[in-house]
Amino acid sequence: MTRHPGTICAPALRLWPLAAWLAVAWLAAPALAASWLVPGEPLTEAHLAALVEAELPPHGDGFELSFTSPSLPLTNPAASRASLELVDLRFDLRSERFVGGLLVRLETGEQRILDVGGRAQVMAEVMVPTRPVAAGERLDPAWLEPALVPARLLRADALGSLDELDGTEARRRLAAGRPIRQADVQPTRLVRRGETVELRYRAPGIVLVTLGRALEDEARGAFVQVANLDSERQLVARVVGSQLVEIAGRPGIGR
C-alpha cells in the first residue's frame, strides 16, 4: 500500500517496528503523557497540544503551541484503538522550541514513533482595553479584559491586573486590544485646572464651605493651588474627592 503524507496507515505501522526506532534515538526515553485515538479518529493538533503542554515546565501564564512536525491532521484508517504516548520531550526555553517523539501503538500490536517538533511560546496575561480610550479618560473596569500575549514581546512595565489600573486615567490615547504600560496611565485627576471646586475648611466641631477655582490638575491626596472665587486669594489645599478640596488652618478660607 502506498503511504500518503498526512495518513496513519495501519499496514505501514508493521514496517516500522519499535525496536528499529529505539535503536536510533529512543532507547532510554521514558514514556510521558498518554492519550487514545478511537478507530478512524484523526490525529489533530489538539491531541498533540494536550500531550506536550502537560509535560512543559511551568512558566509565565502558559504556552501557545504550534507544530512543525508531524504534518497535521493525520488521517487514521486503523480499525482498532491507538494509544498515543509522548516520549523524550526536550524543551529549550531560550528558543522556545521543543522536540520529542510520539509512540503510536495499536491494540493489535503494531507500533511506530513519529517525530514531534514545534514552538511553545511563553505567554503572559495582561489587561487590554476593549475599546479606544482617549487621553484624560478614566479607565473603567468594564472597558478592560485579560488577554494572553507572547511574554518576549512585553515590556517590563506592562500592567497585568485590574488592581494596577484602579484609579487611573489614560495619559495618552490607548488602542483597543493593546497592552497598557505604566507610562500610558496616571492617577485619575479629580481636580482640573479652571474647574470650579468645593473648598472646604474642616476642624474639630466646624466645617466651612465656599467655592474656588483650581489652578492646576491633581489627583486624590495631592496638594493643589486654588483661588477663592470671592477674594481671588490663592491657597494650597489637598484633593479629597472629585472637584472637592480641603484646607486646614484658621477658618477664614482665603478671605
C-alpha atoms as a PDB file:
ATOM      1  CA  MET A   1       0.000   0.000   0.000  1.00  0.00           C
ATOM      2  CA  THR A   2       1.273   3.464  -0.881  1.00  0.00           C
ATOM      3  CA  ARG A   3       1.649   5.720   2.154  1.00  0.00           C
ATOM      4  CA  HIS A   4       0.416   9.252   1.576  1.00  0.00           C
ATOM      5  CA  PRO A   5       1.511  12.209   3.703  1.00  0.00           C
ATOM      6  CA  GLY A   6      -0.989  13.061   6.385  1.00  0.00           C
ATOM      7  CA  THR A   7      -2.096   9.464   6.966  1.00  0.00           C
ATOM      8  CA  ILE A   8      -1.549   6.979   9.784  1.00  0.00           C
ATOM      9  CA  CYS A   9      -1.574   3.724   7.801  1.00  0.00           C
ATOM     10  CA  ALA A  10      -2.161   0.568   9.803  1.00  0.00           C
ATOM     11  CA  PRO A  11      -0.165  -1.680   7.396  1.00  0.00           C
ATOM     12  CA  ALA A  12       2.659   0.846   7.391  1.00  0.00           C
ATOM     13  CA  LEU A  13       2.910   0.561  11.155  1.00  0.00           C
ATOM     14  CA  ARG A  14       4.105  -3.019  10.706  1.00  0.00           C
ATOM     15  CA  LEU A  15       7.013  -1.748   8.616  1.00  0.00           C
ATOM     16  CA  TRP A  16       8.251   0.414  11.493  1.00  0.00           C
ATOM     17  CA  PRO A  17       8.872  -1.919  14.458  1.00  0.00           C
ATOM     18  CA  LEU A  18       9.570  -0.114  17.691  1.00  0.00           C
ATOM     19  CA  ALA A  19      12.996  -1.735  18.029  1.00  0.00           C
ATOM     20  CA  ALA A  20      14.232  -0.017  14.860  1.00  0.00           C
ATOM     21  CA  TRP A  21      13.251   3.409  16.183  1.00  0.00           C
ATOM     22  CA  LEU A  22      14.641   2.753  19.633  1.00  0.00           C
ATOM     23  CA  ALA A  23      17.981   1.837  18.096  1.00  0.00           C
ATOM     24  CA  VAL A  24      18.462   5.321  16.635  1.00  0.00           C
ATOM     25  CA  ALA A  25      17.257   7.651  19.383  1.00  0.00           C
ATOM     26  CA  TRP A  26      14.766   6.420  21.898  1.00  0.00           C
ATOM     27  CA  LEU A  27      16.309   3.519  23.799  1.00  0.00           C
ATOM     28  CA  ALA A  28      16.277   5.230  27.197  1.00  0.00           C
ATOM     29  CA  ALA A  29      13.396   7.603  26.574  1.00  0.00           C
ATOM     30  CA  PRO A  30      10.704   7.406  29.246  1.00  0.00           C
ATOM     31  CA  ALA A  31       7.064   7.460  28.229  1.00  0.00           C
ATOM     32  CA  LEU A  32       5.405  10.688  29.295  1.00  0.00           C
ATOM     33  CA  ALA A  33       1.787  11.747  28.796  1.00  0.00           C
ATOM     34  CA  ALA A  34      -0.566   9.327  27.046  1.00  0.00           C
ATOM     35  CA  SER A  35      -3.855   9.521  25.156  1.00  0.00           C
ATOM     36  CA  TRP A  36      -6.015   7.417  22.829  1.00  0.00           C
ATOM     37  CA  LEU A  37      -7.459   7.576  19.319  1.00  0.00           C
ATOM     38  CA  VAL A  38     -10.614   5.646  18.558  1.00  0.00           C
ATOM     39  CA  PRO A  39     -10.827   3.827  15.190  1.00  0.00           C
ATOM     40  CA  GLY A  40     -10.933   6.363  12.365  1.00  0.00           C
ATOM     41  CA  GLU A  41     -10.229   9.367  14.598  1.00  0.00           C
ATOM     42  CA  PRO A  42      -7.555  11.617  13.051  1.00  0.00           C
ATOM     43  CA  LEU A  43      -4.528  12.793  14.973  1.00  0.00           C
ATOM     44  CA  THR A  44      -5.022  16.540  15.431  1.00  0.00           C
ATOM     45  CA  GLU A  45      -3.110  19.476  16.849  1.00  0.00           C
ATOM     46  CA  ALA A  46      -5.411  19.376  19.874  1.00  0.00           C
ATOM     47  CA  HIS A  47      -4.269  15.817  20.700  1.00  0.00           C
ATOM     48  CA  LEU A  48      -0.600  16.729  20.490  1.00  0.00           C
ATOM     49  CA  ALA A  49      -1.019  20.053  22.274  1.00  0.00           C
ATOM     50  CA  ALA A  50      -2.629  18.351  25.268  1.00  0.00           C
ATOM     51  CA  LEU A  51       0.235  15.855  25.497  1.00  0.00           C
ATOM     52  CA  VAL A  52       3.032  18.390  25.056  1.00  0.00           C
ATOM     53  CA  GLU A  53       1.589  21.074  27.324  1.00  0.00           C
ATOM     54  CA  ALA A  54       1.188  18.561  30.150  1.00  0.00           C
ATOM     55  CA  GLU A  55       4.955  17.961  30.113  1.00  0.00           C
ATOM     56  CA  LEU A  56       6.280  21.505  29.697  1.00  0.00           C
ATOM     57  CA  PRO A  57       7.722  23.129  32.833  1.00  0.00           C
ATOM     58  CA  PRO A  58       5.501  25.810  34.403  1.00  0.00           C
ATOM     59  CA  HIS A  59       6.413  29.211  33.046  1.00  0.00           C
ATOM     60  CA  GLY A  60       4.603  32.515  32.699  1.00  0.00           C
ATOM     61  CA  ASP A  61       0.868  32.171  32.170  1.00  0.00           C
ATOM     62  CA  GLY A  62       1.031  29.106  29.944  1.00  0.00           C
ATOM     63  CA  PHE A  63       2.102  28.379  26.388  1.00  0.00           C
ATOM     64  CA  GLU A  64       0.845  28.865  22.858  1.00  0.00           C
ATOM     65  CA  LEU A  65       1.861  25.809  20.842  1.00  0.00           C
ATOM     66  CA  SER A  66       2.495  25.395  17.129  1.00  0.00           C
ATOM     67  CA  PHE A  67       3.823  22.271  15.410  1.00  0.00           C
ATOM     68  CA  THR A  68       6.329  21.855  12.595  1.00  0.00           C
ATOM     69  CA  SER A  69       6.112  18.051  12.693  1.00  0.00           C
ATOM     70  CA  PRO A  70       4.246  15.884  12.089  1.00  0.00           C
ATOM     71  CA  SER A  71       2.049  17.408   9.392  1.00  0.00           C
ATOM     72  CA  LEU A  72      -1.388  17.703  10.960  1.00  0.00           C
ATOM     73  CA  PRO A  73      -4.052  16.460  10.898  1.00  0.00           C
ATOM     74  CA  LEU A  74      -3.091  12.837  10.198  1.00  0.00           C
ATOM     75  CA  THR A  75      -5.893  10.610   8.985  1.00  0.00           C
ATOM     76  CA  ASN A  76      -6.330   7.318  10.811  1.00  0.00           C
ATOM     77  CA  PRO A  77      -7.755   4.323   8.887  1.00  0.00           C
ATOM     78  CA  ALA A  78      -6.928   1.873  11.698  1.00  0.00           C
ATOM     79  CA  ALA A  79      -9.751  -0.441  12.754  1.00  0.00           C
ATOM     80  CA  SER A  80      -8.569  -0.644  16.367  1.00  0.00           C
ATOM     81  CA  ARG A  81      -7.823   1.885  19.082  1.00  0.00           C
ATOM     82  CA  ALA A  82      -4.404   3.527  19.117  1.00  0.00           C
ATOM     83  CA  SER A  83      -2.597   4.736  22.204  1.00  0.00           C
ATOM     84  CA  LEU A  84      -0.507   7.891  21.962  1.00  0.00           C
ATOM     85  CA  GLU A  85       2.495   8.259  24.245  1.00  0.00           C
ATOM     86  CA  LEU A  86       4.841  11.225  24.260  1.00  0.00           C
ATOM     87  CA  VAL A  87       8.477  10.190  24.728  1.00  0.00           C
ATOM     88  CA  ASP A  88      11.682  12.110  25.451  1.00  0.00           C
ATOM     89  CA  LEU A  89      10.291  15.627  25.140  1.00  0.00           C
ATOM     90  CA  ARG A  90      13.044  18.227  25.181  1.00  0.00           C
ATOM     91  CA  PHE A  91      12.295  21.938  25.531  1.00  0.00           C
ATOM     92  CA  ASP A  92      14.684  24.864  25.154  1.00  0.00           C
ATOM     93  CA  LEU A  93      13.232  27.907  26.916  1.00  0.00           C
ATOM     94  CA  ARG A  94      15.536  30.377  25.219  1.00  0.00           C
ATOM     95  CA  SER A  95      14.476  29.446  21.679  1.00  0.00           C
ATOM     96  CA  GLU A  96      11.010  28.279  22.814  1.00  0.00           C
ATOM     97  CA  ARG A  97      11.470  25.144  20.678  1.00  0.00           C
ATOM     98  CA  PHE A  98      10.663  21.550  21.590  1.00  0.00           C
ATOM     99  CA  VAL A  99      11.374  18.137  20.052  1.00  0.00           C
ATOM    100  CA  GLY A 100      10.292  14.672  21.024  1.00  0.00           C
ATOM    101  CA  GLY A 101       8.617  11.536  19.800  1.00  0.00           C
ATOM    102  CA  LEU A 102       5.069  10.229  19.679  1.00  0.00           C
ATOM    103  CA  LEU A 103       4.731   6.477  20.142  1.00  0.00           C
ATOM    104  CA  VAL A 104       1.604   5.284  18.327  1.00  0.00           C
ATOM    105  CA  ARG A 105       0.626   1.752  19.378  1.00  0.00           C
ATOM    106  CA  LEU A 106      -2.411  -0.124  18.023  1.00  0.00           C
ATOM    107  CA  GLU A 107      -4.256  -2.584  20.231  1.00  0.00           C
ATOM    108  CA  THR A 108      -3.374  -5.227  17.633  1.00  0.00           C
ATOM    109  CA  GLY A 109       0.320  -4.739  18.411  1.00  0.00           C
ATOM    110  CA  GLU A 110       1.600  -2.566  15.556  1.00  0.00           C
ATOM    111  CA  GLN A 111       3.526   0.494  16.655  1.00  0.00           C
ATOM    112  CA  ARG A 112       5.794   3.290  15.450  1.00  0.00           C
ATOM    113  CA  ILE A 113       7.245   6.580  16.622  1.00  0.00           C
ATOM    114  CA  LEU A 114       6.521   9.878  14.904  1.00  0.00           C
ATOM    115  CA  ASP A 115       8.847  12.845  15.210  1.00  0.00           C
ATOM    116  CA  VAL A 116       7.266  15.726  17.111  1.00  0.00           C
ATOM    117  CA  GLY A 117       8.602  19.267  16.968  1.00  0.00           C
ATOM    118  CA  GLY A 118       7.423  22.824  17.201  1.00  0.00           C
ATOM    119  CA  ARG A 119       7.367  26.002  19.189  1.00  0.00           C
ATOM    120  CA  ALA A 120       5.961  26.730  22.647  1.00  0.00           C
ATOM    121  CA  GLN A 121       5.662  30.478  23.118  1.00  0.00           C
ATOM    122  CA  VAL A 122       5.596  31.535  26.767  1.00  0.00           C
ATOM    123  CA  MET A 123       2.516  33.685  27.299  1.00  0.00           C
ATOM    124  CA  ALA A 124       1.758  36.425  29.816  1.00  0.00           C
ATOM    125  CA  GLU A 125      -1.637  37.733  30.893  1.00  0.00           C
ATOM    126  CA  VAL A 126      -2.153  41.485  30.710  1.00  0.00           C
ATOM    127  CA  MET A 127      -5.137  43.806  30.751  1.00  0.00           C
ATOM    128  CA  VAL A 128      -6.148  45.404  27.455  1.00  0.00           C
ATOM    129  CA  PRO A 129      -8.870  47.943  26.611  1.00  0.00           C
ATOM    130  CA  THR A 130     -11.871  46.583  24.750  1.00  0.00           C
ATOM    131  CA  ARG A 131     -12.270  49.954  23.013  1.00  0.00           C
ATOM    132  CA  PRO A 132     -10.091  53.001  22.312  1.00  0.00           C
ATOM    133  CA  VAL A 133      -9.571  55.214  25.369  1.00  0.00           C
ATOM    134  CA  ALA A 134      -8.997  58.938  24.903  1.00  0.00           C
ATOM    135  CA  ALA A 135      -6.234  60.813  26.710  1.00  0.00           C
ATOM    136  CA  GLY A 136      -7.524  62.006  30.072  1.00  0.00           C
ATOM    137  CA  GLU A 137     -10.352  59.462  30.140  1.00  0.00           C
ATOM    138  CA  ARG A 138     -10.728  57.478  33.338  1.00  0.00           C
ATOM    139  CA  LEU A 139     -10.244  53.727  32.919  1.00  0.00           C
ATOM    140  CA  ASP A 140     -13.484  51.939  33.671  1.00  0.00           C
ATOM    141  CA  PRO A 141     -13.008  48.258  34.658  1.00  0.00           C
ATOM    142  CA  ALA A 142     -15.866  47.421  32.274  1.00  0.00           C
ATOM    143  CA  TRP A 143     -13.623  48.514  29.385  1.00  0.00           C
ATOM    144  CA  LEU A 144     -10.806  46.156  30.326  1.00  0.00           C
ATOM    145  CA  GLU A 145     -10.324  42.440  29.776  1.00  0.00           C
ATOM    146  CA  PRO A 146      -7.454  39.968  30.227  1.00  0.00           C
ATOM    147  CA  ALA A 147      -5.501  38.881  27.173  1.00  0.00           C
ATOM    148  CA  LEU A 148      -2.607  36.484  26.647  1.00  0.00           C
ATOM    149  CA  VAL A 149       0.336  37.829  24.653  1.00  0.00           C
ATOM    150  CA  PRO A 150       3.828  36.424  23.986  1.00  0.00           C
ATOM    151  CA  ALA A 151       5.928  37.249  27.037  1.00  0.00           C
ATOM    152  CA  ARG A 152       9.021  38.009  24.932  1.00  0.00           C
ATOM    153  CA  LEU A 153       7.153  40.886  23.263  1.00  0.00           C
ATOM    154  CA  LEU A 154       6.080  42.534  26.523  1.00  0.00           C
ATOM    155  CA  ARG A 155       7.922  45.458  28.037  1.00  0.00           C
ATOM    156  CA  ALA A 156       8.873  45.234  31.683  1.00  0.00           C
ATOM    157  CA  ASP A 157       6.367  47.922  32.702  1.00  0.00           C
ATOM    158  CA  ALA A 158       3.295  46.260  31.149  1.00  0.00           C
ATOM    159  CA  LEU A 159       0.376  46.180  33.601  1.00  0.00           C
ATOM    160  CA  GLY A 160      -1.213  42.807  34.209  1.00  0.00           C
ATOM    161  CA  SER A 161      -4.042  43.289  36.712  1.00  0.00           C
ATOM    162  CA  LEU A 162      -7.084  45.429  37.405  1.00  0.00           C
ATOM    163  CA  ASP A 163      -5.596  46.438  40.763  1.00  0.00           C
ATOM    164  CA  GLU A 164      -2.702  48.133  38.977  1.00  0.00           C
ATOM    165  CA  LEU A 165      -5.150  50.145  36.858  1.00  0.00           C
ATOM    166  CA  ASP A 166      -7.590  51.044  39.614  1.00  0.00           C
ATOM    167  CA  GLY A 167      -7.997  54.803  39.961  1.00  0.00           C
ATOM    168  CA  THR A 168      -6.080  55.662  36.793  1.00  0.00           C
ATOM    169  CA  GLU A 169      -6.750  57.569  33.595  1.00  0.00           C
ATOM    170  CA  ALA A 170      -5.115  57.476  30.191  1.00  0.00           C
ATOM    171  CA  ARG A 171      -2.089  59.724  29.848  1.00  0.00           C
ATOM    172  CA  ARG A 172      -2.286  59.281  26.086  1.00  0.00           C
ATOM    173  CA  ARG A 173      -4.710  57.611  23.673  1.00  0.00           C
ATOM    174  CA  LEU A 174      -4.911  53.851  24.263  1.00  0.00           C
ATOM    175  CA  ALA A 175      -5.653  51.480  21.398  1.00  0.00           C
ATOM    176  CA  ALA A 176      -8.131  48.644  21.823  1.00  0.00           C
ATOM    177  CA  GLY A 177      -6.522  45.250  22.385  1.00  0.00           C
ATOM    178  CA  ARG A 178      -3.036  46.606  23.129  1.00  0.00           C
ATOM    179  CA  PRO A 179      -1.198  46.042  26.439  1.00  0.00           C
ATOM    180  CA  ILE A 180      -1.128  49.031  28.789  1.00  0.00           C
ATOM    181  CA  ARG A 181       2.205  50.267  30.160  1.00  0.00           C
ATOM    182  CA  GLN A 182       2.835  52.246  33.314  1.00  0.00           C
ATOM    183  CA  ALA A 183       3.802  55.258  31.217  1.00  0.00           C
ATOM    184  CA  ASP A 184       0.406  55.120  29.466  1.00  0.00           C
ATOM    185  CA  VAL A 185      -1.606  55.920  32.603  1.00  0.00           C
ATOM    186  CA  GLN A 186      -1.558  58.220  35.604  1.00  0.00           C
ATOM    187  CA  PRO A 187      -3.641  58.646  38.767  1.00  0.00           C
ATOM    188  CA  THR A 188      -7.084  59.989  37.906  1.00  0.00           C
ATOM    189  CA  ARG A 189      -7.119  63.768  38.206  1.00  0.00           C
ATOM    190  CA  LEU A 190     -10.108  64.612  40.380  1.00  0.00           C
ATOM    191  CA  VAL A 191      -9.432  68.329  40.089  1.00  0.00           C
ATOM    192  CA  ARG A 192      -8.650  70.003  36.770  1.00  0.00           C
ATOM    193  CA  ARG A 193      -7.300  73.429  36.032  1.00  0.00           C
ATOM    194  CA  GLY A 194     -10.003  76.051  35.567  1.00  0.00           C
ATOM    195  CA  GLU A 195     -12.751  73.960  37.179  1.00  0.00           C
ATOM    196  CA  THR A 196     -14.887  75.273  39.996  1.00  0.00           C
ATOM    197  CA  VAL A 197     -14.232  73.220  43.116  1.00  0.00           C
ATOM    198  CA  GLU A 198     -15.798  72.990  46.537  1.00  0.00           C
ATOM    199  CA  LEU A 199     -13.324  74.473  49.001  1.00  0.00           C
ATOM    200  CA  ARG A 200     -13.803  73.065  52.471  1.00  0.00           C
ATOM    201  CA  TYR A 201     -12.230  74.022  55.792  1.00  0.00           C
ATOM    202  CA  ARG A 202     -12.507  71.243  58.338  1.00  0.00           C
ATOM    203  CA  ALA A 203     -11.566  71.339  62.024  1.00  0.00           C
ATOM    204  CA  PRO A 204     -12.925  69.690  65.167  1.00  0.00           C
ATOM    205  CA  GLY A 205     -16.502  70.864  65.547  1.00  0.00           C
ATOM    206  CA  ILE A 206     -16.511  73.128  62.478  1.00  0.00           C
ATOM    207  CA  VAL A 207     -16.839  72.841  58.696  1.00  0.00           C
ATOM    208  CA  LEU A 208     -16.854  75.921  56.448  1.00  0.00           C
ATOM    209  CA  VAL A 209     -17.525  75.634  52.734  1.00  0.00           C
ATOM    210  CA  THR A 210     -17.077  78.018  49.821  1.00  0.00           C
ATOM    211  CA  LEU A 211     -16.173  77.801  46.143  1.00  0.00           C
ATOM    212  CA  GLY A 212     -12.807  78.095  44.498  1.00  0.00           C
ATOM    213  CA  ARG A 213     -11.139  77.724  41.124  1.00  0.00           C
ATOM    214  CA  ALA A 214      -8.484  75.071  40.543  1.00  0.00           C
ATOM    215  CA  LEU A 215      -5.226  76.470  39.182  1.00  0.00           C
ATOM    216  CA  GLU A 216      -3.769  73.079  38.212  1.00  0.00           C
ATOM    217  CA  ASP A 217      -4.620  69.419  37.686  1.00  0.00           C
ATOM    218  CA  GLU A 218      -4.150  66.988  40.554  1.00  0.00           C
ATOM    219  CA  ALA A 219      -5.154  63.520  41.738  1.00  0.00           C
ATOM    220  CA  ARG A 220      -6.554  62.339  45.062  1.00  0.00           C
ATOM    221  CA  GLY A 221      -4.275  63.055  48.004  1.00  0.00           C
ATOM    222  CA  ALA A 222      -2.142  65.609  46.159  1.00  0.00           C
ATOM    223  CA  PHE A 223      -1.877  69.277  47.072  1.00  0.00           C
ATOM    224  CA  VAL A 224      -3.275  71.749  44.564  1.00  0.00           C
ATOM    225  CA  GLN A 225      -3.351  75.511  44.231  1.00  0.00           C
ATOM    226  CA  VAL A 226      -6.844  77.024  44.216  1.00  0.00           C
ATOM    227  CA  ALA A 227      -8.194  80.569  44.192  1.00  0.00           C
ATOM    228  CA  ASN A 228     -11.121  81.661  46.370  1.00  0.00           C
ATOM    229  CA  LEU A 229     -13.844  82.766  43.937  1.00  0.00           C
ATOM    230  CA  ASP A 230     -14.857  85.687  46.172  1.00  0.00           C
ATOM    231  CA  SER A 231     -11.454  87.122  47.060  1.00  0.00           C
ATOM    232  CA  GLU A 232      -9.201  85.583  44.361  1.00  0.00           C
ATOM    233  CA  ARG A 233      -6.774  84.785  47.153  1.00  0.00           C
ATOM    234  CA  GLN A 234      -4.655  81.750  46.298  1.00  0.00           C
ATOM    235  CA  LEU A 235      -4.456  78.805  48.694  1.00  0.00           C
ATOM    236  CA  VAL A 236      -2.960  75.350  48.830  1.00  0.00           C
ATOM    237  CA  ALA A 237      -5.458  72.558  49.542  1.00  0.00           C
ATOM    238  CA  ARG A 238      -5.498  68.772  49.451  1.00  0.00           C
ATOM    239  CA  VAL A 239      -7.629  66.955  46.876  1.00  0.00           C
ATOM    240  CA  VAL A 240     -10.078  64.672  48.708  1.00  0.00           C
ATOM    241  CA  GLY A 241     -12.657  63.935  46.011  1.00  0.00           C
ATOM    242  CA  SER A 242     -13.996  64.875  42.611  1.00  0.00           C
ATOM    243  CA  GLN A 243     -13.933  68.702  42.473  1.00  0.00           C
ATOM    244  CA  LEU A 244     -13.508  68.738  46.257  1.00  0.00           C
ATOM    245  CA  VAL A 245     -10.527  70.095  48.220  1.00  0.00           C
ATOM    246  CA  GLU A 246      -9.836  70.680  51.903  1.00  0.00           C
ATOM    247  CA  ILE A 247      -7.569  73.049  53.790  1.00  0.00           C
ATOM    248  CA  ALA A 248      -6.524  73.299  57.403  1.00  0.00           C
ATOM    249  CA  GLY A 249      -5.857  76.466  59.357  1.00  0.00           C
ATOM    250  CA  ARG A 250      -7.771  79.495  60.556  1.00  0.00           C
ATOM    251  CA  PRO A 251     -11.452  79.372  59.474  1.00  0.00           C
ATOM    252  CA  GLY A 252     -11.182  82.221  57.031  1.00  0.00           C
ATOM    253  CA  ILE A 253     -10.786  80.209  53.823  1.00  0.00           C
ATOM    254  CA  GLY A 254      -8.823  82.779  51.976  1.00  0.00           C
ATOM    255  CA  ARG A 255     -10.830  85.913  52.639  1.00  0.00           C
END
